[in-house]
Amino acid sequence: MTDNTSDTPWWDLFFRGSWSEISATLKPAEATDQESEFILDTLRLKPGSRVLDVPCGTGRLGHALAGAGHSVVGVDLQPGLVESANQSARERSLDFEAHVTDIRDLPWSGDFDAAICFWSSLGYLEDGGDTRFLEAVWNTLKPGAPFLVDTQSIETALPGFLEKDWYQAGDWLVLEERQFDPRTSRIHGEWAFVRDGIVDKRRMSIRMYTCRELSALLESCGFEIAGTFDTLTGELFELGASHLAVLARKT
């Protein structure tokens, strides 16, 4: 069972162990195909572009972009996820490499033609941490390079908000309890993964931005906003969208 009682940040605990197996059922191949198609259509990359996937997890989207002919570098804090991403890339002979690195302290400067951050990974940190993360991404990009962020937002998460939910994820039963704190704009969640009598409990806390707030944050870190979209449809973002995608460019 993951220990959420320590002083270790929740995001350094939540994605260990069984998460890799569970996440594969939450984002099946069809979802990966849809999202990678959206990324490629939106970024309009030249062949052989160098792309940063941050954080990359098991390389789900990074592998898809590498398979489309690009050179992809992934970053994640979890050694197990990085090892899995690299092993899968080697088996498929993909131009992909992942590194164990804090997303707030990226070691590249002006190296990448584009960057992506998907699956609501922006918002894990405290507000100052989000700023450091975006500034670090800005530094890795070439001038004018695009950065595509996909996340839940206030507009997508709160309509129809459920405080309790449960669903099947492969062999796992996933139980969620959520609370939204309007003072901090964070959703705090208690998760339980249940299988064969084993209950794996975890906690998470994600900062929710409005479309305007996220755009303003990106602008404060040196980006200009090139568009806002619904990730699943590719249409312009509006109330009723399922996910928010913000396309920004390094000025």
C-alpha atoms as a PDB file:
ATOM      1  CA  MET A   1       0.000   0.000   0.000  1.00  0.00           C
ATOM      2  CA  THR A   2       1.249   3.465  -0.843  1.00  0.00           C
ATOM      3  CA  ASP A   3       2.107   5.465   2.282  1.00  0.00           C
ATOM      4  CA  ASN A   4       0.388   8.846   2.166  1.00  0.00           C
ATOM      5  CA  THR A   5       1.131   9.723   5.779  1.00  0.00           C
ATOM      6  CA  SER A   6       4.751  10.779   5.216  1.00  0.00           C
ATOM      7  CA  ASP A   7       6.001  14.265   4.406  1.00  0.00           C
ATOM      8  CA  THR A   8       6.766  13.188   0.840  1.00  0.00           C
ATOM      9  CA  PRO A   9       4.653  15.189  -1.674  1.00  0.00           C
ATOM     10  CA  TRP A  10       1.540  13.319  -2.806  1.00  0.00           C
ATOM     11  CA  TRP A  11       2.687  13.306  -6.441  1.00  0.00           C
ATOM     12  CA  ASP A  12       5.875  11.472  -5.452  1.00  0.00           C
ATOM     13  CA  LEU A  13       3.762   8.689  -3.908  1.00  0.00           C
ATOM     14  CA  PHE A  14       0.612   8.442  -6.001  1.00  0.00           C
ATOM     15  CA  PHE A  15       2.241   7.224  -9.209  1.00  0.00           C
ATOM     16  CA  ARG A  16       4.227   4.356  -7.735  1.00  0.00           C
ATOM     17  CA  GLY A  17       3.503   0.640  -7.806  1.00  0.00           C
ATOM     18  CA  SER A  18       0.188  -0.384  -9.331  1.00  0.00           C
ATOM     19  CA  TRP A  19      -0.478   3.006 -10.950  1.00  0.00           C
ATOM     20  CA  SER A  20       1.348   2.009 -14.142  1.00  0.00           C
ATOM     21  CA  GLU A  21      -1.017  -0.942 -14.619  1.00  0.00           C
ATOM     22  CA  ILE A  22      -4.146   1.039 -13.715  1.00  0.00           C
ATOM     23  CA  SER A  23      -3.304   4.041 -15.896  1.00  0.00           C
ATOM     24  CA  ALA A  24      -3.045   1.796 -18.959  1.00  0.00           C
ATOM     25  CA  THR A  25      -6.741   0.944 -18.557  1.00  0.00           C
ATOM     26  CA  LEU A  26      -7.751   4.562 -17.890  1.00  0.00           C
ATOM     27  CA  LYS A  27      -6.020   5.717 -21.087  1.00  0.00           C
ATOM     28  CA  PRO A  28      -6.383   2.824 -23.566  1.00  0.00           C
ATOM     29  CA  ALA A  29      -4.883   2.736 -27.057  1.00  0.00           C
ATOM     30  CA  GLU A  30      -7.882   4.491 -28.601  1.00  0.00           C
ATOM     31  CA  ALA A  31      -7.458   7.487 -26.254  1.00  0.00           C
ATOM     32  CA  THR A  32      -3.742   7.642 -27.015  1.00  0.00           C
ATOM     33  CA  ASP A  33      -4.420   7.593 -30.754  1.00  0.00           C
ATOM     34  CA  GLN A  34      -6.968  10.393 -30.418  1.00  0.00           C
ATOM     35  CA  GLU A  35      -4.743  12.581 -28.254  1.00  0.00           C
ATOM     36  CA  SER A  36      -1.604  12.048 -30.351  1.00  0.00           C
ATOM     37  CA  GLU A  37      -3.563  12.938 -33.499  1.00  0.00           C
ATOM     38  CA  PHE A  38      -4.747  16.134 -31.790  1.00  0.00           C
ATOM     39  CA  ILE A  39      -1.161  16.959 -30.772  1.00  0.00           C
ATOM     40  CA  LEU A  40       0.216  16.435 -34.268  1.00  0.00           C
ATOM     41  CA  ASP A  41      -2.619  18.391 -35.912  1.00  0.00           C
ATOM     42  CA  THR A  42      -2.223  21.271 -33.444  1.00  0.00           C
ATOM     43  CA  LEU A  43       1.582  21.552 -33.300  1.00  0.00           C
ATOM     44  CA  ARG A  44       2.148  21.001 -37.050  1.00  0.00           C
ATOM     45  CA  LEU A  45       5.699  19.804 -36.445  1.00  0.00           C
ATOM     46  CA  LYS A  46       8.312  19.520 -39.141  1.00  0.00           C
ATOM     47  CA  PRO A  47       9.606  15.964 -39.745  1.00  0.00           C
ATOM     48  CA  GLY A  48      12.217  14.942 -37.192  1.00  0.00           C
ATOM     49  CA  SER A  49      11.302  17.655 -34.676  1.00  0.00           C
ATOM     50  CA  ARG A  50      12.781  17.371 -31.198  1.00  0.00           C
ATOM     51  CA  VAL A  51       9.913  17.238 -28.669  1.00  0.00           C
ATOM     52  CA  LEU A  52       9.872  17.378 -24.856  1.00  0.00           C
ATOM     53  CA  ASP A  53       7.197  15.263 -23.108  1.00  0.00           C
ATOM     54  CA  VAL A  54       6.939  16.516 -19.517  1.00  0.00           C
ATOM     55  CA  PRO A  55       6.014  14.615 -17.421  1.00  0.00           C
ATOM     56  CA  CYS A  56       6.027  11.543 -19.615  1.00  0.00           C
ATOM     57  CA  GLY A  57       4.880   8.726 -17.305  1.00  0.00           C
ATOM     58  CA  THR A  58       5.247   5.425 -19.142  1.00  0.00           C
ATOM     59  CA  GLY A  59       5.797   7.237 -22.445  1.00  0.00           C
ATOM     60  CA  ARG A  60       2.256   6.784 -23.692  1.00  0.00           C
ATOM     61  CA  LEU A  61       2.172   9.932 -25.847  1.00  0.00           C
ATOM     62  CA  GLY A  62       5.911  10.314 -26.286  1.00  0.00           C
ATOM     63  CA  HIS A  63       6.058   6.926 -27.963  1.00  0.00           C
ATOM     64  CA  ALA A  64       3.229   7.917 -30.304  1.00  0.00           C
ATOM     65  CA  LEU A  65       5.056  11.095 -31.340  1.00  0.00           C
ATOM     66  CA  ALA A  66       8.297   9.164 -31.837  1.00  0.00           C
ATOM     67  CA  GLY A  67       6.380   6.682 -33.965  1.00  0.00           C
ATOM     68  CA  ALA A  68       5.268   9.619 -36.119  1.00  0.00           C
ATOM     69  CA  GLY A  69       8.898  10.401 -36.928  1.00  0.00           C
ATOM     70  CA  HIS A  70       9.951  12.790 -34.172  1.00  0.00           C
ATOM     71  CA  SER A  71      12.792  12.673 -31.645  1.00  0.00           C
ATOM     72  CA  VAL A  72      11.211  12.691 -28.188  1.00  0.00           C
ATOM     73  CA  VAL A  73      12.727  13.250 -24.742  1.00  0.00           C
ATOM     74  CA  GLY A  74      10.587  12.387 -21.726  1.00  0.00           C
ATOM     75  CA  VAL A  75      10.928  13.572 -18.144  1.00  0.00           C
ATOM     76  CA  ASP A  76       9.381  12.069 -15.030  1.00  0.00           C
ATOM     77  CA  LEU A  77      10.209  11.911 -11.334  1.00  0.00           C
ATOM     78  CA  GLN A  78       9.310   8.230 -10.937  1.00  0.00           C
ATOM     79  CA  PRO A  79      12.222   5.867 -11.785  1.00  0.00           C
ATOM     80  CA  GLY A  80       9.835   2.946 -12.345  1.00  0.00           C
ATOM     81  CA  LEU A  81       7.825   4.857 -14.951  1.00  0.00           C
ATOM     82  CA  VAL A  82      10.982   6.106 -16.684  1.00  0.00           C
ATOM     83  CA  GLU A  83      12.422   2.591 -16.822  1.00  0.00           C
ATOM     84  CA  SER A  84       9.173   1.260 -18.279  1.00  0.00           C
ATOM     85  CA  ALA A  85       9.057   4.055 -20.879  1.00  0.00           C
ATOM     86  CA  ASN A  86      12.635   3.460 -21.993  1.00  0.00           C
ATOM     87  CA  GLN A  87      12.277  -0.313 -22.127  1.00  0.00           C
ATOM     88  CA  SER A  88       9.166  -0.094 -24.290  1.00  0.00           C
ATOM     89  CA  ALA A  89      10.870   2.417 -26.594  1.00  0.00           C
ATOM     90  CA  ARG A  90      13.875   0.118 -27.025  1.00  0.00           C
ATOM     91  CA  GLU A  91      11.648  -2.834 -27.829  1.00  0.00           C
ATOM     92  CA  ARG A  92       9.910  -0.792 -30.521  1.00  0.00           C
ATOM     93  CA  SER A  93      13.117   0.904 -31.785  1.00  0.00           C
ATOM     94  CA  LEU A  94      11.668   4.368 -31.177  1.00  0.00           C
ATOM     95  CA  ASP A  95      13.650   7.606 -31.049  1.00  0.00           C
ATOM     96  CA  PHE A  96      12.620   8.204 -27.446  1.00  0.00           C
ATOM     97  CA  GLU A  97      14.569   8.542 -24.223  1.00  0.00           C
ATOM     98  CA  ALA A  98      13.258   9.335 -20.750  1.00  0.00           C
ATOM     99  CA  HIS A  99      15.104  10.797 -17.774  1.00  0.00           C
ATOM    100  CA  VAL A 100      14.412  10.925 -14.035  1.00  0.00           C
ATOM    101  CA  THR A 101      14.240  14.680 -13.515  1.00  0.00           C
ATOM    102  CA  ASP A 102      12.225  17.192 -11.492  1.00  0.00           C
ATOM    103  CA  ILE A 103       9.998  19.109 -13.921  1.00  0.00           C
ATOM    104  CA  ARG A 104      10.941  22.348 -12.142  1.00  0.00           C
ATOM    105  CA  ASP A 105      14.629  21.851 -12.905  1.00  0.00           C
ATOM    106  CA  LEU A 106      15.023  20.824 -16.549  1.00  0.00           C
ATOM    107  CA  PRO A 107      18.656  20.663 -17.750  1.00  0.00           C
ATOM    108  CA  TRP A 108      18.175  21.840 -21.368  1.00  0.00           C
ATOM    109  CA  SER A 109      18.330  25.327 -22.854  1.00  0.00           C
ATOM    110  CA  GLY A 110      16.871  26.183 -26.254  1.00  0.00           C
ATOM    111  CA  ASP A 111      17.030  22.543 -27.411  1.00  0.00           C
ATOM    112  CA  PHE A 112      13.442  21.649 -28.312  1.00  0.00           C
ATOM    113  CA  ASP A 113      11.154  22.436 -31.234  1.00  0.00           C
ATOM    114  CA  ALA A 114       8.050  21.781 -29.114  1.00  0.00           C
ATOM    115  CA  ALA A 115       6.876  20.551 -25.703  1.00  0.00           C
ATOM    116  CA  ILE A 116       3.734  18.868 -24.393  1.00  0.00           C
ATOM    117  CA  CYS A 117       2.232  18.462 -20.915  1.00  0.00           C
ATOM    118  CA  PHE A 118      -0.823  16.194 -20.872  1.00  0.00           C
ATOM    119  CA  TRP A 119      -3.307  14.489 -18.559  1.00  0.00           C
ATOM    120  CA  SER A 120      -3.749  17.368 -16.078  1.00  0.00           C
ATOM    121  CA  SER A 121      -0.137  17.162 -14.903  1.00  0.00           C
ATOM    122  CA  LEU A 122      -0.018  20.942 -14.548  1.00  0.00           C
ATOM    123  CA  GLY A 123      -1.490  21.752 -11.135  1.00  0.00           C
ATOM    124  CA  TYR A 124       0.132  19.003  -9.079  1.00  0.00           C
ATOM    125  CA  LEU A 125       2.511  21.493  -7.479  1.00  0.00           C
ATOM    126  CA  GLU A 126       1.830  24.519  -5.326  1.00  0.00           C
ATOM    127  CA  ASP A 127       1.252  27.766  -7.249  1.00  0.00           C
ATOM    128  CA  GLY A 128       4.910  28.797  -7.110  1.00  0.00           C
ATOM    129  CA  GLY A 129       5.886  25.327  -8.287  1.00  0.00           C
ATOM    130  CA  ASP A 130       3.661  25.630 -11.348  1.00  0.00           C
ATOM    131  CA  THR A 131       5.411  28.891 -12.213  1.00  0.00           C
ATOM    132  CA  ARG A 132       8.848  27.297 -11.861  1.00  0.00           C
ATOM    133  CA  PHE A 133       7.720  24.397 -14.045  1.00  0.00           C
ATOM    134  CA  LEU A 134       6.473  26.653 -16.845  1.00  0.00           C
ATOM    135  CA  GLU A 135       9.603  28.804 -16.675  1.00  0.00           C
ATOM    136  CA  ALA A 136      11.734  25.651 -16.923  1.00  0.00           C
ATOM    137  CA  VAL A 137       9.794  24.491 -20.007  1.00  0.00           C
ATOM    138  CA  TRP A 138      10.158  27.962 -21.569  1.00  0.00           C
ATOM    139  CA  ASN A 139      13.932  27.704 -21.141  1.00  0.00           C
ATOM    140  CA  THR A 140      14.115  24.349 -22.943  1.00  0.00           C
ATOM    141  CA  LEU A 141      12.378  25.647 -26.081  1.00  0.00           C
ATOM    142  CA  LYS A 142      13.715  27.337 -29.182  1.00  0.00           C
ATOM    143  CA  PRO A 143      12.321  30.839 -29.894  1.00  0.00           C
ATOM    144  CA  GLY A 144       8.803  30.593 -31.291  1.00  0.00           C
ATOM    145  CA  ALA A 145       8.457  26.916 -30.344  1.00  0.00           C
ATOM    146  CA  PRO A 146       4.990  25.732 -29.254  1.00  0.00           C
ATOM    147  CA  PHE A 147       4.013  24.311 -25.882  1.00  0.00           C
ATOM    148  CA  LEU A 148       0.720  22.382 -25.671  1.00  0.00           C
ATOM    149  CA  VAL A 149      -0.866  21.925 -22.229  1.00  0.00           C
ATOM    150  CA  ASP A 150      -3.839  19.610 -21.646  1.00  0.00           C
ATOM    151  CA  THR A 151      -5.655  19.776 -18.327  1.00  0.00           C
ATOM    152  CA  GLN A 152      -8.937  19.832 -16.480  1.00  0.00           C
ATOM    153  CA  SER A 153     -10.048  23.375 -15.715  1.00  0.00           C
ATOM    154  CA  ILE A 154     -12.651  25.066 -13.556  1.00  0.00           C
ATOM    155  CA  GLU A 155     -14.948  25.140 -16.594  1.00  0.00           C
ATOM    156  CA  THR A 156     -14.553  21.425 -17.329  1.00  0.00           C
ATOM    157  CA  ALA A 157     -14.283  19.950 -13.820  1.00  0.00           C
ATOM    158  CA  LEU A 158     -16.972  21.701 -11.792  1.00  0.00           C
ATOM    159  CA  PRO A 159     -20.105  21.296 -13.969  1.00  0.00           C
ATOM    160  CA  GLY A 160     -21.450  17.891 -12.997  1.00  0.00           C
ATOM    161  CA  PHE A 161     -18.838  17.583 -10.232  1.00  0.00           C
ATOM    162  CA  LEU A 162     -19.188  14.297  -8.324  1.00  0.00           C
ATOM    163  CA  GLU A 163     -17.920  14.047  -4.770  1.00  0.00           C
ATOM    164  CA  LYS A 164     -17.957  10.245  -4.969  1.00  0.00           C
ATOM    165  CA  ASP A 165     -17.392   7.980  -7.942  1.00  0.00           C
ATOM    166  CA  TRP A 166     -16.387   4.399  -8.685  1.00  0.00           C
ATOM    167  CA  TYR A 167     -15.501   2.522 -11.853  1.00  0.00           C
ATOM    168  CA  GLN A 168     -13.705  -0.554 -13.118  1.00  0.00           C
ATOM    169  CA  ALA A 169     -10.123  -0.233 -14.405  1.00  0.00           C
ATOM    170  CA  GLY A 170      -9.197  -3.641 -15.764  1.00  0.00           C
ATOM    171  CA  ASP A 171      -9.071  -5.982 -12.774  1.00  0.00           C
ATOM    172  CA  TRP A 172      -9.086  -3.036 -10.381  1.00  0.00           C
ATOM    173  CA  LEU A 173     -12.073  -1.331  -8.784  1.00  0.00           C
ATOM    174  CA  VAL A 174     -11.302   2.388  -8.440  1.00  0.00           C
ATOM    175  CA  LEU A 175     -13.093   4.429  -5.773  1.00  0.00           C
ATOM    176  CA  GLU A 176     -12.780   8.221  -5.595  1.00  0.00           C
ATOM    177  CA  GLU A 177     -13.899  10.809  -3.069  1.00  0.00           C
ATOM    178  CA  ARG A 178     -13.307  14.432  -4.065  1.00  0.00           C
ATOM    179  CA  GLN A 179     -13.741  17.857  -2.528  1.00  0.00           C
ATOM    180  CA  PHE A 180     -13.268  21.230  -4.189  1.00  0.00           C
ATOM    181  CA  ASP A 181     -11.766  23.992  -2.034  1.00  0.00           C
ATOM    182  CA  PRO A 182     -12.797  27.364  -3.515  1.00  0.00           C
ATOM    183  CA  ARG A 183     -10.256  29.204  -1.351  1.00  0.00           C
ATOM    184  CA  THR A 184      -7.321  27.448  -3.023  1.00  0.00           C
ATOM    185  CA  SER A 185      -9.028  26.297  -6.263  1.00  0.00           C
ATOM    186  CA  ARG A 186      -7.788  22.774  -5.596  1.00  0.00           C
ATOM    187  CA  ILE A 187      -9.567  19.446  -5.873  1.00  0.00           C
ATOM    188  CA  HIS A 188      -8.492  17.132  -3.048  1.00  0.00           C
ATOM    189  CA  GLY A 189      -9.079  13.454  -3.725  1.00  0.00           C
ATOM    190  CA  GLU A 190      -8.992  10.220  -1.753  1.00  0.00           C
ATOM    191  CA  TRP A 191      -8.509   7.198  -4.012  1.00  0.00           C
ATOM    192  CA  ALA A 192      -8.745   3.471  -3.297  1.00  0.00           C
ATOM    193  CA  PHE A 193      -7.625   0.778  -5.742  1.00  0.00           C
ATOM    194  CA  VAL A 194      -9.222  -2.560  -4.842  1.00  0.00           C
ATOM    195  CA  ARG A 195      -8.362  -6.025  -6.197  1.00  0.00           C
ATOM    196  CA  ASP A 196      -8.390  -9.534  -4.706  1.00  0.00           C
ATOM    197  CA  GLY A 197      -9.087  -8.213  -1.221  1.00  0.00           C
ATOM    198  CA  ILE A 198      -6.206  -5.702  -1.404  1.00  0.00           C
ATOM    199  CA  VAL A 199      -7.051  -2.020  -0.857  1.00  0.00           C
ATOM    200  CA  ASP A 200      -4.422   0.475  -2.025  1.00  0.00           C
ATOM    201  CA  LYS A 201      -5.271   3.970  -0.730  1.00  0.00           C
ATOM    202  CA  ARG A 202      -3.792   7.161  -2.151  1.00  0.00           C
ATOM    203  CA  ARG A 203      -4.313  10.912  -1.987  1.00  0.00           C
ATOM    204  CA  MET A 204      -3.992  13.665  -4.541  1.00  0.00           C
ATOM    205  CA  SER A 205      -4.496  17.425  -4.772  1.00  0.00           C
ATOM    206  CA  ILE A 206      -4.701  19.304  -8.069  1.00  0.00           C
ATOM    207  CA  ARG A 207      -4.872  23.046  -8.664  1.00  0.00           C
ATOM    208  CA  MET A 208      -7.736  23.972 -10.986  1.00  0.00           C
ATOM    209  CA  TYR A 209      -7.265  27.016 -13.221  1.00  0.00           C
ATOM    210  CA  THR A 210      -9.827  28.768 -15.345  1.00  0.00           C
ATOM    211  CA  CYS A 211      -8.952  29.091 -18.999  1.00  0.00           C
ATOM    212  CA  ARG A 212      -8.074  32.738 -18.428  1.00  0.00           C
ATOM    213  CA  GLU A 213      -5.994  32.045 -15.314  1.00  0.00           C
ATOM    214  CA  LEU A 214      -3.911  29.384 -17.060  1.00  0.00           C
ATOM    215  CA  SER A 215      -3.435  31.615 -20.086  1.00  0.00           C
ATOM    216  CA  ALA A 216      -2.313  34.487 -17.839  1.00  0.00           C
ATOM    217  CA  LEU A 217       0.096  32.191 -15.978  1.00  0.00           C
ATOM    218  CA  LEU A 218       1.678  31.059 -19.237  1.00  0.00           C
ATOM    219  CA  GLU A 219       1.958  34.671 -20.393  1.00  0.00           C
ATOM    220  CA  SER A 220       3.657  35.648 -17.128  1.00  0.00           C
ATOM    221  CA  CYS A 221       6.280  32.969 -17.818  1.00  0.00           C
ATOM    222  CA  GLY A 222       7.147  34.315 -21.260  1.00  0.00           C
ATOM    223  CA  PHE A 223       4.660  32.568 -23.539  1.00  0.00           C
ATOM    224  CA  GLU A 224       2.064  34.025 -25.875  1.00  0.00           C
ATOM    225  CA  ILE A 225      -1.271  32.256 -26.282  1.00  0.00           C
ATOM    226  CA  ALA A 226      -1.935  30.921 -29.774  1.00  0.00           C
ATOM    227  CA  GLY A 227      -5.241  29.158 -29.068  1.00  0.00           C
ATOM    228  CA  THR A 228      -7.444  27.287 -26.598  1.00  0.00           C
ATOM    229  CA  PHE A 229      -9.202  24.046 -27.547  1.00  0.00           C
ATOM    230  CA  ASP A 230     -11.232  21.082 -26.357  1.00  0.00           C
ATOM    231  CA  THR A 231      -8.648  18.292 -26.385  1.00  0.00           C
ATOM    232  CA  LEU A 232     -11.102  15.562 -27.325  1.00  0.00           C
ATOM    233  CA  THR A 233     -12.789  17.350 -30.228  1.00  0.00           C
ATOM    234  CA  GLY A 234     -10.152  19.819 -31.400  1.00  0.00           C
ATOM    235  CA  GLU A 235     -12.821  22.514 -31.445  1.00  0.00           C
ATOM    236  CA  LEU A 236     -12.313  25.934 -29.881  1.00  0.00           C
ATOM    237  CA  PHE A 237     -12.636  25.831 -26.087  1.00  0.00           C
ATOM    238  CA  GLU A 238     -16.011  26.834 -24.672  1.00  0.00           C
ATOM    239  CA  LEU A 239     -18.236  25.963 -21.720  1.00  0.00           C
ATOM    240  CA  GLY A 240     -19.229  22.320 -22.020  1.00  0.00           C
ATOM    241  CA  ALA A 241     -15.810  21.181 -23.263  1.00  0.00           C
ATOM    242  CA  SER A 242     -14.449  17.989 -21.746  1.00  0.00           C
ATOM    243  CA  HIS A 243     -10.826  19.114 -21.361  1.00  0.00           C
ATOM    244  CA  LEU A 244      -8.865  22.320 -21.834  1.00  0.00           C
ATOM    245  CA  ALA A 245      -5.867  22.454 -24.166  1.00  0.00           C
ATOM    246  CA  VAL A 246      -3.850  25.686 -24.322  1.00  0.00           C
ATOM    247  CA  LEU A 247      -1.437  26.222 -27.199  1.00  0.00           C
ATOM    248  CA  ALA A 248       1.301  28.663 -26.228  1.00  0.00           C
ATOM    249  CA  ARG A 249       4.484  29.785 -27.964  1.00  0.00           C
ATOM    250  CA  LYS A 250       7.805  30.954 -26.585  1.00  0.00           C
ATOM    251  CA  THR A 251       8.146  34.645 -27.363  1.00  0.00           C
END
